[in-house]
Every structure is written in C-alpha cells, then in structure tokens.
Amino acid sequence: MRKICLVLSVILGLFSCTSDVDNLDSEMKSIELSAKTSSENVKLLTAWTANRSSPVQINYQRKFKVKVKNLAYQKEVAIHHATYNGNWVDIPLTFEQAIDNDEEIWVGEVTPDYEIYSDEFVVKYTVNGETYWDNNNGKNYSMLVNVGGYLSPEINVELNKDFTRSTGASFAINVNARRNYGAPAAVEVVYTTDNWVTKNTVPLTYQRYFRVGYAHYIMSPNQFDVDVYDTSIRVADNVQSIDFAIIYKVDGQEYWDNNYGDNYTLNKIIY
C-alpha cells in the first residue's frame, strides 16, 4: 500500500509540474510579446467580442480590423492570440481594401463554439522577411469575452457590419461610437437611394443594452468607453439599395465613417 501511495504521489507531482511549466511558458510568452517595440507599419484599428447565442447554440465571436503599410505585395497579417490552454495561435486576417497613404485594411474573425481564446492578444505583420508588431505599446491588448467594441485612438465612430443589414422593407444600421463624458453626442446616418441626387438624414438611438444573442447583451459604455447606436430606415418597395455614411457629432466636432471615401452600400434582400 505504501508503494502505491508513493507512485500516486509521483504521478500527481509530475502533472502538477507540467501544469506549472505550461503556465510559466505562457507567462514568459506574454512578457516577451510585451517587450517588443510596436511598429508604425501595423496598427489595430478596431476589435469586437460578443456571445452570439441562440436557444440551441452559442458561439464566441471575436473580430478585428487592422491597418498596415503596403511594404510589399506578399504579406501576412494576423492576430497573435492567447488561448486558455496556455498556447499562442495566429488568427489570419484577409485583405479588405486599399486606402490613402499606400496603406491597406485587413480584417478577420473567428466564431468558435466554445471559449478557446483568453483575453490577451497582439497584432503581427510579416513582410519582406521581417515581422512587425502592434502590442499596445508594450501592454498587449486585452478584451473580455462579451464586451462589444474597441476603437483605437484614431477611430471615433465605426459601422458595425454584423448588425447592419436588410430587414424586409427596412435597413438596420448599427454603429459603435466613442463615449465623450464631457458633452452630449449624436450619431446620424446620411443616405441616398438615387446616387446622391437627393439625400436623407436619420438619427440613431443610443442603446444602453444592445442584444447580441438569445440571452446576451452589450452594455454601453463598455470597458473601452464605446457606446452602441442603431436605427431602422424604411424605404419604398421599389428601392433595392442605399448608399450611406455615418456622422458622429460631439463637442462641436464631426467625425465620419464613410468607408474611407467609398461610402457604404446596403442591398435589399428579397425573401
């Protein structure tokens, strides 16, 4: 009996040591990433996390938008993300559009059925044999599971495409905007149905609690001082699409999200 107890103690000790080593490796990896110098060649613009649940299923959405300098045609952009098992994995991003100053927008998202990603991540940009990082100036980025939107300091308002859609005879518009605690704010959508021959302006409504799933809500403002606004635009039956942009007005300033000058287009879905 004494031998059996000794063997069990050794086995348990090995498991404990393995767990400690895994945790130490994860901590060292986090410290190593934090110690890297953030580069002007890559920048996290926005991020989003939410529990996208239904009565029978739940998934954990994480999505990202990144800006990079176009240093070469061949490049790889990824979110280097910590997982709950102590590893760090790459979430690859894909090219979305070119913008001014020879820069590009890259985006991506994951929607796992169970919670595999922990809070911490950095941005990774590999081009011309070099790797550049955005590690939030040495602090790494951190987002909880169901927090909603993060906006970088250069972004004050952004269309949330996941909740912007055609809904029969209407168009639902959803927006994330930075909270300004010193002044009242207003968010509007400016749209046209005739290629800007005429235009209309509709206000968006502030959402203290915005539903993202069957039993999950995003609270405004969130941990990053980001608020949710939305509205519904009803159009005539013969209107098949709208072109639009977002205006955020606060403290005497106007901030626009017009898709980097291209405006947004939303097509009606016929059921």
C-alpha atoms as a PDB file:
ATOM      1  CA  MET A   1       0.000   0.000   0.000  1.00  0.00           C
ATOM      2  CA  ARG A   2       2.886   2.339   0.834  1.00  0.00           C
ATOM      3  CA  LYS A   3       4.380   1.732  -2.657  1.00  0.00           C
ATOM      4  CA  ILE A   4       1.058   2.507  -4.352  1.00  0.00           C
ATOM      5  CA  CYS A   5       0.753   5.801  -2.435  1.00  0.00           C
ATOM      6  CA  LEU A   6       4.320   6.687  -3.402  1.00  0.00           C
ATOM      7  CA  VAL A   7       3.623   6.038  -7.108  1.00  0.00           C
ATOM      8  CA  LEU A   8       0.432   8.121  -6.997  1.00  0.00           C
ATOM      9  CA  SER A   9       2.301  10.957  -5.315  1.00  0.00           C
ATOM     10  CA  VAL A  10       4.975  10.903  -8.027  1.00  0.00           C
ATOM     11  CA  ILE A  11       2.355  10.909 -10.807  1.00  0.00           C
ATOM     12  CA  LEU A  12       0.416  13.767  -9.230  1.00  0.00           C
ATOM     13  CA  GLY A  13       3.649  15.659  -8.758  1.00  0.00           C
ATOM     14  CA  LEU A  14       4.529  15.225 -12.436  1.00  0.00           C
ATOM     15  CA  PHE A  15       1.120  16.533 -13.520  1.00  0.00           C
ATOM     16  CA  SER A  16       1.495  19.490 -11.169  1.00  0.00           C
ATOM     17  CA  CYS A  17       4.951  20.274 -12.526  1.00  0.00           C
ATOM     18  CA  THR A  18       3.707  20.043 -16.133  1.00  0.00           C
ATOM     19  CA  SER A  19       0.887  22.481 -15.356  1.00  0.00           C
ATOM     20  CA  ASP A  20       3.310  24.865 -13.674  1.00  0.00           C
ATOM     21  CA  VAL A  21       5.671  24.679 -16.666  1.00  0.00           C
ATOM     22  CA  ASP A  22       2.805  25.379 -19.098  1.00  0.00           C
ATOM     23  CA  ASN A  23       1.714  28.387 -17.065  1.00  0.00           C
ATOM     24  CA  LEU A  24       5.286  29.648 -16.863  1.00  0.00           C
ATOM     25  CA  ASP A  25       5.750  29.255 -20.634  1.00  0.00           C
ATOM     26  CA  SER A  26       2.545  31.197 -21.257  1.00  0.00           C
ATOM     27  CA  GLU A  27       3.603  33.965 -18.860  1.00  0.00           C
ATOM     28  CA  MET A  28       7.056  34.184 -20.449  1.00  0.00           C
ATOM     29  CA  LYS A  29       5.482  34.368 -23.925  1.00  0.00           C
ATOM     30  CA  SER A  30       3.230  37.218 -22.769  1.00  0.00           C
ATOM     31  CA  ILE A  31       6.192  39.081 -21.254  1.00  0.00           C
ATOM     32  CA  GLU A  32       8.229  38.516 -24.434  1.00  0.00           C
ATOM     33  CA  LEU A  33       5.466  39.966 -26.646  1.00  0.00           C
ATOM     34  CA  SER A  34       5.009  42.923 -24.301  1.00  0.00           C
ATOM     35  CA  ALA A  35       8.711  43.691 -24.533  1.00  0.00           C
ATOM     36  CA  LYS A  36       8.632  44.062 -28.341  1.00  0.00           C
ATOM     37  CA  THR A  37       8.511  47.553 -29.796  1.00  0.00           C
ATOM     38  CA  SER A  38       5.276  48.480 -31.569  1.00  0.00           C
ATOM     39  CA  SER A  39       5.810  49.457 -35.200  1.00  0.00           C
ATOM     40  CA  GLU A  40       4.207  52.263 -37.192  1.00  0.00           C
ATOM     41  CA  ASN A  41       3.823  49.740 -40.029  1.00  0.00           C
ATOM     42  CA  VAL A  42       0.899  47.967 -38.340  1.00  0.00           C
ATOM     43  CA  LYS A  43      -1.950  49.189 -36.125  1.00  0.00           C
ATOM     44  CA  LEU A  44      -5.066  47.650 -34.613  1.00  0.00           C
ATOM     45  CA  LEU A  45      -7.994  49.885 -35.581  1.00  0.00           C
ATOM     46  CA  THR A  46     -10.997  48.120 -34.070  1.00  0.00           C
ATOM     47  CA  ALA A  47     -11.935  44.869 -32.371  1.00  0.00           C
ATOM     48  CA  TRP A  48     -15.142  43.243 -31.168  1.00  0.00           C
ATOM     49  CA  THR A  49     -16.131  40.378 -28.892  1.00  0.00           C
ATOM     50  CA  ALA A  50     -19.623  39.016 -28.250  1.00  0.00           C
ATOM     51  CA  ASN A  51     -21.514  35.882 -27.269  1.00  0.00           C
ATOM     52  CA  ARG A  52     -23.629  35.195 -30.369  1.00  0.00           C
ATOM     53  CA  SER A  53     -26.141  32.825 -28.801  1.00  0.00           C
ATOM     54  CA  SER A  54     -29.402  31.176 -29.859  1.00  0.00           C
ATOM     55  CA  PRO A  55     -31.794  28.928 -27.896  1.00  0.00           C
ATOM     56  CA  VAL A  56     -29.863  25.861 -29.085  1.00  0.00           C
ATOM     57  CA  GLN A  57     -26.316  27.091 -29.714  1.00  0.00           C
ATOM     58  CA  ILE A  58     -23.743  29.606 -28.552  1.00  0.00           C
ATOM     59  CA  ASN A  59     -20.562  30.832 -30.214  1.00  0.00           C
ATOM     60  CA  TYR A  60     -17.921  33.293 -29.145  1.00  0.00           C
ATOM     61  CA  GLN A  61     -17.285  35.888 -31.832  1.00  0.00           C
ATOM     62  CA  ARG A  62     -14.030  37.823 -31.972  1.00  0.00           C
ATOM     63  CA  LYS A  63     -13.340  40.108 -34.944  1.00  0.00           C
ATOM     64  CA  PHE A  64     -10.561  42.528 -35.824  1.00  0.00           C
ATOM     65  CA  LYS A  65      -9.669  45.340 -38.239  1.00  0.00           C
ATOM     66  CA  VAL A  66      -6.013  46.229 -38.802  1.00  0.00           C
ATOM     67  CA  LYS A  67      -4.197  48.876 -40.849  1.00  0.00           C
ATOM     68  CA  VAL A  68      -0.785  48.106 -42.404  1.00  0.00           C
ATOM     69  CA  LYS A  69       1.723  49.935 -44.555  1.00  0.00           C
ATOM     70  CA  ASN A  70       1.886  48.372 -48.014  1.00  0.00           C
ATOM     71  CA  LEU A  71       5.572  47.442 -47.907  1.00  0.00           C
ATOM     72  CA  ALA A  72       5.265  44.633 -50.487  1.00  0.00           C
ATOM     73  CA  TYR A  73       2.603  42.700 -52.368  1.00  0.00           C
ATOM     74  CA  GLN A  74       3.240  39.448 -50.491  1.00  0.00           C
ATOM     75  CA  LYS A  75       2.432  39.831 -46.813  1.00  0.00           C
ATOM     76  CA  GLU A  76       0.781  38.065 -43.886  1.00  0.00           C
ATOM     77  CA  VAL A  77      -1.307  39.833 -41.263  1.00  0.00           C
ATOM     78  CA  ALA A  78      -2.606  38.024 -38.191  1.00  0.00           C
ATOM     79  CA  ILE A  79      -3.859  38.411 -34.650  1.00  0.00           C
ATOM     80  CA  HIS A  80      -1.475  36.543 -32.364  1.00  0.00           C
ATOM     81  CA  HIS A  81      -3.866  35.415 -29.646  1.00  0.00           C
ATOM     82  CA  ALA A  82      -3.512  33.651 -26.311  1.00  0.00           C
ATOM     83  CA  THR A  83      -5.682  30.591 -25.650  1.00  0.00           C
ATOM     84  CA  TYR A  84      -6.946  29.084 -22.428  1.00  0.00           C
ATOM     85  CA  ASN A  85      -4.622  26.093 -22.755  1.00  0.00           C
ATOM     86  CA  GLY A  86      -1.574  28.359 -22.479  1.00  0.00           C
ATOM     87  CA  ASN A  87      -0.671  28.491 -26.170  1.00  0.00           C
ATOM     88  CA  TRP A  88      -0.493  31.446 -28.550  1.00  0.00           C
ATOM     89  CA  VAL A  89      -2.019  30.960 -32.011  1.00  0.00           C
ATOM     90  CA  ASP A  90      -2.366  33.048 -35.161  1.00  0.00           C
ATOM     91  CA  ILE A  91      -5.800  34.165 -36.402  1.00  0.00           C
ATOM     92  CA  PRO A  92      -5.126  35.057 -40.070  1.00  0.00           C
ATOM     93  CA  LEU A  93      -6.604  38.266 -41.469  1.00  0.00           C
ATOM     94  CA  THR A  94      -7.546  38.899 -45.102  1.00  0.00           C
ATOM     95  CA  PHE A  95      -7.168  41.960 -47.312  1.00  0.00           C
ATOM     96  CA  GLU A  96     -10.279  44.157 -47.429  1.00  0.00           C
ATOM     97  CA  GLN A  97      -9.293  47.375 -49.225  1.00  0.00           C
ATOM     98  CA  ALA A  98      -6.521  49.814 -50.093  1.00  0.00           C
ATOM     99  CA  ILE A  99      -6.751  53.308 -48.613  1.00  0.00           C
ATOM    100  CA  ASP A 100      -4.779  56.559 -48.806  1.00  0.00           C
ATOM    101  CA  ASN A 101      -1.064  56.894 -47.953  1.00  0.00           C
ATOM    102  CA  ASP A 102      -0.319  53.489 -49.520  1.00  0.00           C
ATOM    103  CA  GLU A 103      -1.965  51.661 -46.617  1.00  0.00           C
ATOM    104  CA  GLU A 104      -4.294  48.675 -46.509  1.00  0.00           C
ATOM    105  CA  ILE A 105      -7.125  47.431 -44.308  1.00  0.00           C
ATOM    106  CA  TRP A 106      -7.090  43.774 -43.261  1.00  0.00           C
ATOM    107  CA  VAL A 107      -9.933  42.085 -41.370  1.00  0.00           C
ATOM    108  CA  GLY A 108     -10.831  38.743 -39.857  1.00  0.00           C
ATOM    109  CA  GLU A 109     -12.986  36.984 -37.320  1.00  0.00           C
ATOM    110  CA  VAL A 110     -13.428  33.687 -35.504  1.00  0.00           C
ATOM    111  CA  THR A 111     -16.619  32.223 -34.035  1.00  0.00           C
ATOM    112  CA  PRO A 112     -15.682  29.081 -32.089  1.00  0.00           C
ATOM    113  CA  ASP A 113     -18.445  27.038 -30.467  1.00  0.00           C
ATOM    114  CA  TYR A 114     -16.651  27.062 -27.146  1.00  0.00           C
ATOM    115  CA  GLU A 115     -14.423  29.514 -25.347  1.00  0.00           C
ATOM    116  CA  ILE A 116     -10.897  28.728 -26.552  1.00  0.00           C
ATOM    117  CA  TYR A 117      -9.440  32.254 -26.631  1.00  0.00           C
ATOM    118  CA  SER A 118      -8.399  34.068 -23.480  1.00  0.00           C
ATOM    119  CA  ASP A 119      -8.294  37.867 -23.225  1.00  0.00           C
ATOM    120  CA  GLU A 120      -4.791  38.754 -24.421  1.00  0.00           C
ATOM    121  CA  PHE A 121      -3.575  39.362 -28.000  1.00  0.00           C
ATOM    122  CA  VAL A 122      -1.227  41.375 -30.226  1.00  0.00           C
ATOM    123  CA  VAL A 123      -1.103  42.156 -33.961  1.00  0.00           C
ATOM    124  CA  LYS A 124       1.518  40.509 -36.188  1.00  0.00           C
ATOM    125  CA  TYR A 125       2.588  41.702 -39.657  1.00  0.00           C
ATOM    126  CA  THR A 126       5.137  39.712 -41.676  1.00  0.00           C
ATOM    127  CA  VAL A 127       6.534  41.183 -44.911  1.00  0.00           C
ATOM    128  CA  ASN A 128       9.890  41.179 -46.743  1.00  0.00           C
ATOM    129  CA  GLY A 129      11.281  38.686 -44.237  1.00  0.00           C
ATOM    130  CA  GLU A 130      10.554  40.998 -41.293  1.00  0.00           C
ATOM    131  CA  THR A 131       7.879  40.781 -38.592  1.00  0.00           C
ATOM    132  CA  TYR A 132       6.319  43.929 -37.172  1.00  0.00           C
ATOM    133  CA  TRP A 133       4.113  44.061 -34.078  1.00  0.00           C
ATOM    134  CA  ASP A 134       1.415  46.174 -32.513  1.00  0.00           C
ATOM    135  CA  ASN A 135       1.438  45.161 -28.858  1.00  0.00           C
ATOM    136  CA  ASN A 136      -0.448  48.185 -27.491  1.00  0.00           C
ATOM    137  CA  ASN A 137       2.779  49.999 -26.616  1.00  0.00           C
ATOM    138  CA  GLY A 138       4.103  47.146 -24.534  1.00  0.00           C
ATOM    139  CA  LYS A 139       0.904  46.312 -22.640  1.00  0.00           C
ATOM    140  CA  ASN A 140      -0.618  43.815 -25.105  1.00  0.00           C
ATOM    141  CA  TYR A 141      -4.325  44.107 -25.916  1.00  0.00           C
ATOM    142  CA  SER A 142      -6.907  42.543 -23.628  1.00  0.00           C
ATOM    143  CA  MET A 143     -10.645  42.064 -24.265  1.00  0.00           C
ATOM    144  CA  LEU A 144     -13.182  40.177 -22.204  1.00  0.00           C
ATOM    145  CA  VAL A 145     -15.490  37.598 -23.792  1.00  0.00           C
ATOM    146  CA  ASN A 146     -18.659  39.680 -24.234  1.00  0.00           C
ATOM    147  CA  VAL A 147     -17.519  43.304 -24.139  1.00  0.00           C
ATOM    148  CA  GLY A 148     -18.531  44.684 -27.547  1.00  0.00           C
ATOM    149  CA  GLY A 149     -16.284  47.127 -29.415  1.00  0.00           C
ATOM    150  CA  TYR A 150     -12.778  48.510 -29.045  1.00  0.00           C
ATOM    151  CA  LEU A 151     -11.840  51.647 -31.035  1.00  0.00           C
ATOM    152  CA  SER A 152      -8.232  52.764 -31.414  1.00  0.00           C
ATOM    153  CA  PRO A 153      -7.443  56.402 -30.517  1.00  0.00           C
ATOM    154  CA  GLU A 154      -7.658  57.439 -34.190  1.00  0.00           C
ATOM    155  CA  ILE A 155     -11.182  55.985 -34.611  1.00  0.00           C
ATOM    156  CA  ASN A 156     -14.202  57.743 -33.074  1.00  0.00           C
ATOM    157  CA  VAL A 157     -17.047  56.016 -34.886  1.00  0.00           C
ATOM    158  CA  GLU A 158     -17.381  52.801 -36.895  1.00  0.00           C
ATOM    159  CA  LEU A 159     -20.190  50.974 -38.648  1.00  0.00           C
ATOM    160  CA  ASN A 160     -20.786  47.529 -37.140  1.00  0.00           C
ATOM    161  CA  LYS A 161     -21.372  45.432 -40.248  1.00  0.00           C
ATOM    162  CA  ASP A 162     -22.575  42.364 -38.360  1.00  0.00           C
ATOM    163  CA  PHE A 163     -25.724  44.164 -37.206  1.00  0.00           C
ATOM    164  CA  THR A 164     -26.172  46.342 -40.318  1.00  0.00           C
ATOM    165  CA  ARG A 165     -28.444  44.539 -42.749  1.00  0.00           C
ATOM    166  CA  SER A 166     -31.565  44.473 -44.871  1.00  0.00           C
ATOM    167  CA  THR A 167     -34.696  43.564 -42.911  1.00  0.00           C
ATOM    168  CA  GLY A 168     -37.537  43.293 -45.404  1.00  0.00           C
ATOM    169  CA  ALA A 169     -38.622  46.825 -46.381  1.00  0.00           C
ATOM    170  CA  SER A 170     -36.114  48.409 -43.963  1.00  0.00           C
ATOM    171  CA  PHE A 171     -32.389  48.736 -43.457  1.00  0.00           C
ATOM    172  CA  ALA A 172     -30.971  48.276 -39.947  1.00  0.00           C
ATOM    173  CA  ILE A 173     -27.891  50.421 -39.224  1.00  0.00           C
ATOM    174  CA  ASN A 174     -25.676  49.714 -36.204  1.00  0.00           C
ATOM    175  CA  VAL A 175     -22.736  51.832 -35.031  1.00  0.00           C
ATOM    176  CA  ASN A 176     -20.042  51.888 -32.352  1.00  0.00           C
ATOM    177  CA  ALA A 177     -19.018  55.372 -31.139  1.00  0.00           C
ATOM    178  CA  ARG A 178     -16.519  56.612 -28.573  1.00  0.00           C
ATOM    179  CA  ARG A 179     -18.079  57.996 -25.383  1.00  0.00           C
ATOM    180  CA  ASN A 180     -17.331  61.649 -24.600  1.00  0.00           C
ATOM    181  CA  TYR A 181     -18.201  62.212 -20.952  1.00  0.00           C
ATOM    182  CA  GLY A 182     -17.970  65.989 -21.244  1.00  0.00           C
ATOM    183  CA  ALA A 183     -20.549  66.643 -23.987  1.00  0.00           C
ATOM    184  CA  PRO A 184     -23.778  65.200 -25.411  1.00  0.00           C
ATOM    185  CA  ALA A 185     -23.361  63.226 -28.619  1.00  0.00           C
ATOM    186  CA  ALA A 186     -25.447  62.497 -31.700  1.00  0.00           C
ATOM    187  CA  VAL A 187     -24.989  59.829 -34.349  1.00  0.00           C
ATOM    188  CA  GLU A 188     -26.664  60.101 -37.756  1.00  0.00           C
ATOM    189  CA  VAL A 189     -26.794  58.142 -40.991  1.00  0.00           C
ATOM    190  CA  VAL A 190     -26.803  60.129 -44.239  1.00  0.00           C
ATOM    191  CA  TYR A 191     -28.144  58.039 -47.111  1.00  0.00           C
ATOM    192  CA  THR A 192     -29.350  58.204 -50.681  1.00  0.00           C
ATOM    193  CA  THR A 193     -31.455  55.953 -52.889  1.00  0.00           C
ATOM    194  CA  ASP A 194     -30.675  57.798 -56.161  1.00  0.00           C
ATOM    195  CA  ASN A 195     -26.888  58.087 -56.335  1.00  0.00           C
ATOM    196  CA  TRP A 196     -26.796  61.281 -54.217  1.00  0.00           C
ATOM    197  CA  VAL A 197     -29.168  63.289 -56.375  1.00  0.00           C
ATOM    198  CA  THR A 198     -31.085  63.602 -53.111  1.00  0.00           C
ATOM    199  CA  LYS A 199     -30.118  62.614 -49.595  1.00  0.00           C
ATOM    200  CA  ASN A 200     -31.767  61.961 -46.243  1.00  0.00           C
ATOM    201  CA  THR A 201     -30.511  62.119 -42.674  1.00  0.00           C
ATOM    202  CA  VAL A 202     -31.780  59.840 -39.908  1.00  0.00           C
ATOM    203  CA  PRO A 203     -30.671  59.908 -36.231  1.00  0.00           C
ATOM    204  CA  LEU A 204     -29.505  56.754 -34.484  1.00  0.00           C
ATOM    205  CA  THR A 205     -30.711  55.836 -30.997  1.00  0.00           C
ATOM    206  CA  TYR A 206     -28.363  55.199 -28.074  1.00  0.00           C
ATOM    207  CA  GLN A 207     -28.616  51.618 -26.796  1.00  0.00           C
ATOM    208  CA  ARG A 208     -27.861  51.189 -23.091  1.00  0.00           C
ATOM    209  CA  TYR A 209     -28.230  47.427 -23.523  1.00  0.00           C
ATOM    210  CA  PHE A 210     -27.840  46.012 -27.030  1.00  0.00           C
ATOM    211  CA  ARG A 211     -28.878  42.420 -27.610  1.00  0.00           C
ATOM    212  CA  VAL A 212     -26.274  40.309 -29.429  1.00  0.00           C
ATOM    213  CA  GLY A 213     -27.739  36.869 -28.810  1.00  0.00           C
ATOM    214  CA  TYR A 214     -30.642  34.992 -27.323  1.00  0.00           C
ATOM    215  CA  ALA A 215     -29.623  35.808 -23.756  1.00  0.00           C
ATOM    216  CA  HIS A 216     -26.610  38.106 -24.142  1.00  0.00           C
ATOM    217  CA  TYR A 217     -26.330  41.881 -24.242  1.00  0.00           C
ATOM    218  CA  ILE A 218     -23.631  44.501 -24.781  1.00  0.00           C
ATOM    219  CA  MET A 219     -23.721  47.331 -22.243  1.00  0.00           C
ATOM    220  CA  SER A 220     -22.982  50.963 -23.204  1.00  0.00           C
ATOM    221  CA  PRO A 221     -20.489  52.305 -22.414  1.00  0.00           C
ATOM    222  CA  ASN A 222     -18.249  49.240 -22.205  1.00  0.00           C
ATOM    223  CA  GLN A 223     -14.768  48.840 -20.688  1.00  0.00           C
ATOM    224  CA  PHE A 224     -13.307  50.873 -23.591  1.00  0.00           C
ATOM    225  CA  ASP A 225     -15.870  53.720 -23.280  1.00  0.00           C
ATOM    226  CA  VAL A 226     -17.606  52.677 -26.503  1.00  0.00           C
ATOM    227  CA  ASP A 227     -21.361  53.138 -26.986  1.00  0.00           C
ATOM    228  CA  VAL A 228     -23.774  51.326 -29.313  1.00  0.00           C
ATOM    229  CA  TYR A 229     -26.268  53.205 -31.517  1.00  0.00           C
ATOM    230  CA  ASP A 230     -28.744  51.884 -34.065  1.00  0.00           C
ATOM    231  CA  THR A 231     -31.714  52.782 -36.226  1.00  0.00           C
ATOM    232  CA  SER A 232     -34.016  51.354 -38.886  1.00  0.00           C
ATOM    233  CA  ILE A 233     -34.565  53.078 -42.246  1.00  0.00           C
ATOM    234  CA  ARG A 234     -37.787  52.206 -44.053  1.00  0.00           C
ATOM    235  CA  VAL A 235     -37.710  52.639 -47.829  1.00  0.00           C
ATOM    236  CA  ALA A 236     -40.179  52.340 -50.701  1.00  0.00           C
ATOM    237  CA  ASP A 237     -40.818  48.903 -52.169  1.00  0.00           C
ATOM    238  CA  ASN A 238     -39.059  49.784 -55.413  1.00  0.00           C
ATOM    239  CA  VAL A 239     -35.824  50.794 -53.641  1.00  0.00           C
ATOM    240  CA  GLN A 240     -33.300  47.978 -53.890  1.00  0.00           C
ATOM    241  CA  SER A 241     -30.287  49.540 -52.145  1.00  0.00           C
ATOM    242  CA  ILE A 242     -28.996  52.558 -50.259  1.00  0.00           C
ATOM    243  CA  ASP A 243     -25.611  54.266 -50.210  1.00  0.00           C
ATOM    244  CA  PHE A 244     -24.737  55.809 -46.870  1.00  0.00           C
ATOM    245  CA  ALA A 245     -22.186  57.177 -44.425  1.00  0.00           C
ATOM    246  CA  ILE A 246     -22.131  57.746 -40.655  1.00  0.00           C
ATOM    247  CA  ILE A 247     -21.659  61.082 -38.867  1.00  0.00           C
ATOM    248  CA  TYR A 248     -20.786  61.319 -35.173  1.00  0.00           C
ATOM    249  CA  LYS A 249     -21.279  64.793 -33.679  1.00  0.00           C
ATOM    250  CA  VAL A 250     -19.875  65.647 -30.265  1.00  0.00           C
ATOM    251  CA  ASP A 251     -18.344  68.689 -28.547  1.00  0.00           C
ATOM    252  CA  GLY A 252     -18.593  70.810 -31.694  1.00  0.00           C
ATOM    253  CA  GLN A 253     -16.775  68.237 -33.845  1.00  0.00           C
ATOM    254  CA  GLU A 254     -17.935  65.902 -36.619  1.00  0.00           C
ATOM    255  CA  TYR A 255     -16.370  62.504 -37.167  1.00  0.00           C
ATOM    256  CA  TRP A 256     -17.228  60.447 -40.252  1.00  0.00           C
ATOM    257  CA  ASP A 257     -17.175  56.814 -41.188  1.00  0.00           C
ATOM    258  CA  ASN A 258     -17.666  56.839 -44.953  1.00  0.00           C
ATOM    259  CA  ASN A 259     -15.690  53.671 -45.692  1.00  0.00           C
ATOM    260  CA  TYR A 260     -12.508  55.660 -46.436  1.00  0.00           C
ATOM    261  CA  GLY A 261     -14.269  57.808 -49.037  1.00  0.00           C
ATOM    262  CA  ASP A 262     -16.094  54.998 -50.841  1.00  0.00           C
ATOM    263  CA  ASN A 263     -19.307  55.184 -48.739  1.00  0.00           C
ATOM    264  CA  TYR A 264     -21.211  52.038 -47.814  1.00  0.00           C
ATOM    265  CA  THR A 265     -23.783  50.237 -49.949  1.00  0.00           C
ATOM    266  CA  LEU A 266     -26.501  48.034 -48.488  1.00  0.00           C
ATOM    267  CA  ASN A 267     -28.626  45.893 -50.815  1.00  0.00           C
ATOM    268  CA  LYS A 268     -32.128  44.778 -50.070  1.00  0.00           C
ATOM    269  CA  ILE A 269     -32.502  41.052 -49.522  1.00  0.00           C
ATOM    270  CA  ILE A 270     -35.594  39.565 -51.141  1.00  0.00           C
ATOM    271  CA  TYR A 271     -37.032  36.675 -49.155  1.00  0.00           C
END
